[in-house]
């Protein structure tokens, strides 16, 4: 029965360590993104626009007030991309 307890404790410790790694990775990933306006395809924007109340409501490709979250620094390299809406 002792071997079962050791195995269970090891498994639980591994899960706790994994959860901590995933949480810190998610926080870092969120910090390394920025809003990029004017590059979303119609219906593919990430959040509300001046004319729509939620994600996926942009009416045209490249709508100037619709944005997508992209890795920091990428927006400047996209045709029509702007970090200001």
Protein backbone atom coordinates (compact mmCIF):
# COMPACT_ATOMS: atom_id res chain seq x y z
CA UNK A 1 0.00 0.00 0.00
CA UNK A 2 2.96 2.33 0.54
CA UNK A 3 3.94 2.14 -3.12
CA UNK A 4 0.43 3.29 -4.10
CA UNK A 5 0.67 6.33 -1.83
CA UNK A 6 4.07 7.30 -3.24
CA UNK A 7 2.80 6.92 -6.80
CA UNK A 8 -0.28 9.01 -6.03
CA UNK A 9 1.78 11.74 -4.35
CA UNK A 10 4.16 11.83 -7.32
CA UNK A 11 1.27 12.11 -9.79
CA UNK A 12 -0.38 14.93 -7.82
CA UNK A 13 2.92 16.81 -7.55
CA UNK A 14 3.41 16.51 -11.30
CA UNK A 15 -0.07 17.86 -12.01
CA UNK A 16 0.45 20.83 -9.71
CA UNK A 17 3.77 21.64 -11.40
CA UNK A 18 2.16 21.35 -14.84
CA UNK A 19 -0.71 23.64 -13.83
CA UNK A 20 1.75 26.29 -12.64
CA UNK A 21 3.67 26.11 -15.90
CA UNK A 22 0.51 26.47 -18.01
CA UNK A 23 -0.71 29.43 -15.95
CA UNK A 24 2.57 31.30 -16.26
CA UNK A 25 2.83 30.54 -19.99
CA UNK A 26 -0.69 31.90 -20.57
CA UNK A 27 0.14 35.12 -18.73
CA UNK A 28 3.29 35.62 -20.78
CA UNK A 29 1.46 34.86 -24.04
CA UNK A 30 -1.23 37.43 -23.22
CA UNK A 31 1.41 40.10 -22.54
CA UNK A 32 3.12 39.49 -25.88
CA UNK A 33 0.05 40.30 -28.01
CA UNK A 34 -1.35 43.55 -29.34
CA UNK A 35 -4.48 44.75 -31.12
CA UNK A 36 -4.01 45.10 -34.87
CA UNK A 37 -6.70 47.16 -36.60
CA UNK A 38 -7.61 46.95 -40.27
CA UNK A 39 -6.37 43.43 -41.05
CA UNK A 40 -9.33 41.19 -40.13
CA UNK A 41 -11.35 39.45 -42.81
CA UNK A 42 -15.10 40.07 -42.77
CA UNK A 43 -16.64 38.30 -39.78
CA UNK A 44 -13.26 37.33 -38.28
CA UNK A 45 -12.52 40.24 -35.89
CA UNK A 46 -11.72 39.48 -32.25
CA UNK A 47 -13.91 42.01 -30.45
CA UNK A 48 -16.55 44.72 -30.78
CA UNK A 49 -16.34 47.49 -33.40
CA UNK A 50 -18.07 50.86 -33.72
CA UNK A 51 -20.79 49.16 -35.79
CA UNK A 52 -20.95 45.74 -34.07
CA UNK A 53 -21.27 44.69 -30.45
CA UNK A 54 -19.21 41.50 -30.43
CA UNK A 55 -16.52 39.41 -32.11
CA UNK A 56 -17.14 38.24 -35.64
CA UNK A 57 -19.30 41.21 -36.64
CA UNK A 58 -17.03 43.08 -39.05
CA UNK A 59 -18.82 43.61 -42.36
CA UNK A 60 -15.87 44.01 -44.76
CA UNK A 61 -12.31 42.81 -45.14
CA UNK A 62 -9.86 45.29 -43.61
CA UNK A 63 -12.53 47.24 -41.72
CA UNK A 64 -10.58 50.03 -39.98
CA UNK A 65 -12.26 49.72 -36.55
CA UNK A 66 -12.10 45.90 -36.39
CA UNK A 67 -9.06 44.32 -34.77
CA UNK A 68 -7.37 40.98 -34.27
CA UNK A 69 -4.95 40.07 -31.51
CA UNK A 70 -1.54 39.33 -33.03
CA UNK A 71 1.95 38.73 -31.62
CA UNK A 72 3.59 42.00 -30.56
CA UNK A 73 5.47 43.62 -33.45
CA UNK A 74 3.65 41.73 -36.22
CA UNK A 75 1.00 44.39 -36.89
CA UNK A 76 3.53 46.89 -38.23
CA UNK A 77 4.57 44.35 -40.86
CA UNK A 78 1.02 43.59 -42.12
CA UNK A 79 -0.38 45.52 -45.08
CA UNK A 80 -3.03 47.91 -43.76
CA UNK A 81 -2.26 47.04 -40.13
CA UNK A 82 -2.32 49.69 -37.42
CA UNK A 83 -2.07 49.49 -33.63
CA UNK A 84 -4.44 52.46 -33.34
CA UNK A 85 -8.16 52.11 -34.10
